[in-house]
């Protein structure tokens, strides 16, 4: 498990005095400031965070060392991370996204479906983006109790019960069959 957890992202400059628009990925969005100082993914920069207001989809904030619109704009798209030990412990059925990325995904019969490449959320529910062996396309699996009954972090695997037809059937997909010689 990684020591840093992504807790937010800078969406761009706000105003002319160096404030930024800040998206929070925390379950209690305003708690992002409580985990300050936050660091960039490469850990080269660190910022104290002071929330100054609300905007659609996030907050306005002052970051230490940022005092101009130009400096704030250079941070657009930067993700902000907090050390895991500053974050609250999670209940048994909740997970930090960073802990799920890279886990193997198996079906209920033990067959490998792929591995978690990313976690996406477009409003309704989290989606696991699954990279499947032998395919360049990924598959989006809803991260619900029905579709993902088991997350086993110690074993680094997820047991999935996906809807029928979501994953390619190895019996009908020639790329998955070992008994066919290439033509």
Protein backbone atom coordinates (compact mmCIF):
# COMPACT_ATOMS: atom_id res chain seq x y z
CA UNK A 1 0.00 0.00 0.00
CA UNK A 2 1.21 3.47 -0.87
CA UNK A 3 2.15 5.96 1.83
CA UNK A 4 0.52 8.89 0.01
CA UNK A 5 -3.20 9.11 -0.75
CA UNK A 6 -4.58 11.49 -3.37
CA UNK A 7 -7.03 13.80 -1.58
CA UNK A 8 -7.65 16.47 -4.21
CA UNK A 9 -6.71 18.25 -7.42
CA UNK A 10 -6.21 21.83 -8.48
CA UNK A 11 -8.69 22.82 -11.17
CA UNK A 12 -7.07 26.16 -12.02
CA UNK A 13 -6.67 29.74 -10.85
CA UNK A 14 -9.43 31.69 -9.12
CA UNK A 15 -9.17 35.46 -9.27
CA UNK A 16 -5.96 37.43 -9.63
CA UNK A 17 -4.37 37.06 -6.18
CA UNK A 18 -3.17 33.47 -6.39
CA UNK A 19 -6.21 31.55 -5.15
CA UNK A 20 -7.00 28.22 -6.80
CA UNK A 21 -10.12 26.20 -7.52
CA UNK A 22 -9.69 22.99 -5.55
CA UNK A 23 -11.53 19.69 -6.02
CA UNK A 24 -11.66 17.53 -2.89
CA UNK A 25 -11.75 13.74 -3.12
CA UNK A 26 -12.41 13.36 0.62
CA UNK A 27 -15.66 11.83 1.90
CA UNK A 28 -16.09 15.04 3.92
CA UNK A 29 -14.91 17.50 1.24
CA UNK A 30 -13.90 20.33 3.57
CA UNK A 31 -11.63 17.95 5.54
CA UNK A 32 -9.01 18.34 2.79
CA UNK A 33 -7.59 21.36 4.63
CA UNK A 34 -7.25 19.29 7.84
CA UNK A 35 -4.64 17.05 6.16
CA UNK A 36 -2.39 19.99 5.27
CA UNK A 37 0.39 20.33 4.31
CA UNK A 38 -0.39 18.49 1.09
CA UNK A 39 2.26 17.42 -1.40
CA UNK A 40 2.36 16.95 -5.15
CA UNK A 41 2.54 13.40 -6.50
CA UNK A 42 6.29 13.66 -7.03
CA UNK A 43 6.65 15.13 -3.50
CA UNK A 44 8.69 18.05 -4.86
CA UNK A 45 6.24 20.70 -3.62
CA UNK A 46 4.30 21.05 -0.41
CA UNK A 47 1.40 23.42 0.34
CA UNK A 48 -0.46 24.58 3.41
CA UNK A 49 -4.12 24.78 2.38
CA UNK A 50 -6.59 27.42 3.55
CA UNK A 51 -10.12 27.09 2.16
CA UNK A 52 -11.53 30.52 1.35
CA UNK A 53 -14.89 29.74 -0.24
CA UNK A 54 -17.09 27.37 -2.21
CA UNK A 55 -17.54 27.12 -5.97
CA UNK A 56 -19.44 24.64 -8.10
CA UNK A 57 -17.67 21.27 -7.76
CA UNK A 58 -15.24 22.35 -5.05
CA UNK A 59 -13.63 25.16 -3.13
CA UNK A 60 -11.53 28.23 -3.55
CA UNK A 61 -8.31 28.02 -1.59
CA UNK A 62 -5.06 29.72 -0.81
CA UNK A 63 -1.94 27.59 -1.09
CA UNK A 64 1.21 28.64 0.71
CA UNK A 65 3.78 30.17 -1.64
CA UNK A 66 1.25 30.89 -4.40
CA UNK A 67 0.53 34.61 -4.69
CA UNK A 68 -0.30 35.34 -8.32
CA UNK A 69 -2.82 34.20 -10.88
CA UNK A 70 0.05 33.01 -13.10
CA UNK A 71 1.56 30.87 -10.33
CA UNK A 72 -1.88 29.41 -9.53
CA UNK A 73 -2.56 28.65 -13.20
CA UNK A 74 0.69 26.65 -13.53
CA UNK A 75 -0.74 24.23 -10.94
CA UNK A 76 -3.85 23.36 -13.00
CA UNK A 77 -4.29 19.58 -13.00
CA UNK A 78 -1.87 19.01 -10.11
CA UNK A 79 -3.01 16.32 -7.71
CA UNK A 80 -2.51 16.84 -3.99
CA UNK A 81 -1.62 14.02 -1.63
CA UNK A 82 -1.60 13.45 2.13
CA UNK A 83 0.36 10.87 4.09
CA UNK A 84 -1.82 7.87 4.94
CA UNK A 85 -1.17 8.26 8.67
CA UNK A 86 -2.87 11.69 8.65
CA UNK A 87 -6.08 10.25 7.22
CA UNK A 88 -8.84 8.69 9.32
CA UNK A 89 -9.19 4.91 9.46
CA UNK A 90 -11.91 3.56 7.20
CA UNK A 91 -14.80 1.25 8.10
CA UNK A 92 -14.45 -2.37 6.94
CA UNK A 93 -16.46 -1.84 3.73
CA UNK A 94 -14.68 1.33 2.52
CA UNK A 95 -11.35 1.61 0.71
CA UNK A 96 -8.94 4.26 -0.45
CA UNK A 97 -8.76 4.21 -4.25
CA UNK A 98 -4.97 3.94 -4.06
CA UNK A 99 -5.35 0.58 -2.29
CA UNK A 100 -7.51 -0.87 -5.10
CA UNK A 101 -5.37 0.12 -8.08
CA UNK A 102 -3.31 -2.85 -9.28
CA UNK A 103 -5.34 -5.52 -7.48
CA UNK A 104 -6.06 -8.72 -9.40
CA UNK A 105 -9.71 -9.25 -10.32
CA UNK A 106 -11.03 -12.81 -10.28
CA UNK A 107 -14.50 -14.14 -10.99
CA UNK A 108 -16.40 -16.19 -8.41
CA UNK A 109 -14.94 -19.36 -9.94
CA UNK A 110 -11.36 -18.14 -9.51
CA UNK A 111 -10.67 -17.30 -13.17
CA UNK A 112 -8.61 -14.16 -13.74
CA UNK A 113 -10.56 -11.30 -15.28
CA UNK A 114 -7.75 -8.72 -15.16
CA UNK A 115 -6.47 -6.08 -12.78
CA UNK A 116 -7.74 -2.71 -11.57
CA UNK A 117 -6.19 0.05 -13.63
CA UNK A 118 -8.11 3.02 -12.25
CA UNK A 119 -11.20 4.00 -10.28
CA UNK A 120 -13.57 6.39 -12.04
CA UNK A 121 -16.66 8.20 -10.84
CA UNK A 122 -18.95 10.07 -13.19
CA UNK A 123 -21.68 10.73 -10.64
CA UNK A 124 -23.69 7.58 -10.02
CA UNK A 125 -21.18 5.17 -8.47
CA UNK A 126 -17.52 4.31 -8.55
CA UNK A 127 -16.43 2.23 -11.53
CA UNK A 128 -13.42 -0.07 -11.57
CA UNK A 129 -11.54 0.20 -14.84
CA UNK A 130 -10.32 -3.35 -15.45
CA UNK A 131 -7.44 -4.10 -17.82
CA UNK A 132 -8.11 -7.56 -19.24
CA UNK A 133 -5.38 -9.96 -20.42
CA UNK A 134 -4.95 -10.03 -24.18
CA UNK A 135 -7.13 -6.98 -24.84
CA UNK A 136 -6.20 -3.36 -25.35
CA UNK A 137 -9.67 -2.17 -24.29
CA UNK A 138 -10.61 -1.91 -20.64
CA UNK A 139 -13.90 -2.85 -19.02
CA UNK A 140 -15.81 -0.73 -16.52
CA UNK A 141 -17.20 -2.73 -13.61
CA UNK A 142 -19.58 -1.00 -11.16
CA UNK A 143 -18.03 -0.99 -7.69
CA UNK A 144 -21.16 -2.21 -5.95
CA UNK A 145 -21.63 -5.03 -3.44
CA UNK A 146 -23.50 -7.07 -6.10
CA UNK A 147 -20.76 -6.78 -8.74
CA UNK A 148 -17.84 -6.84 -6.29
CA UNK A 149 -18.78 -8.98 -3.28
CA UNK A 150 -15.21 -9.32 -1.93
CA UNK A 151 -12.21 -7.03 -1.66
CA UNK A 152 -9.30 -8.90 -0.09
CA UNK A 153 -6.53 -6.33 0.45
CA UNK A 154 -4.13 -8.72 2.26
CA UNK A 155 -4.29 -11.13 -0.70
CA UNK A 156 -4.27 -8.23 -3.19
CA UNK A 157 -7.34 -9.42 -5.05
CA UNK A 158 -10.96 -8.62 -5.76
CA UNK A 159 -13.62 -11.24 -6.33
CA UNK A 160 -16.14 -10.00 -8.89
CA UNK A 161 -19.54 -11.27 -9.96
CA UNK A 162 -19.98 -9.18 -13.12
CA UNK A 163 -23.18 -9.04 -15.14
CA UNK A 164 -23.33 -11.68 -17.88
CA UNK A 165 -21.58 -10.61 -21.08
CA UNK A 166 -19.53 -7.81 -19.52
CA UNK A 167 -16.21 -9.66 -19.83
CA UNK A 168 -15.13 -11.57 -22.95
CA UNK A 169 -15.85 -15.30 -22.84
CA UNK A 170 -12.56 -17.17 -23.37
CA UNK A 171 -14.44 -19.97 -25.15
CA UNK A 172 -15.82 -17.64 -27.83
CA UNK A 173 -12.88 -15.22 -28.09
CA UNK A 174 -10.08 -16.64 -30.25
CA UNK A 175 -7.55 -14.30 -28.62
CA UNK A 176 -8.14 -16.18 -25.34
CA UNK A 177 -7.97 -19.73 -26.70
CA UNK A 178 -4.77 -21.71 -26.47
CA UNK A 179 -5.88 -24.56 -28.74
CA UNK A 180 -5.98 -22.56 -31.98
CA UNK A 181 -2.86 -22.06 -34.07
CA UNK A 182 -2.45 -18.68 -35.75
CA UNK A 183 -3.34 -18.64 -39.42
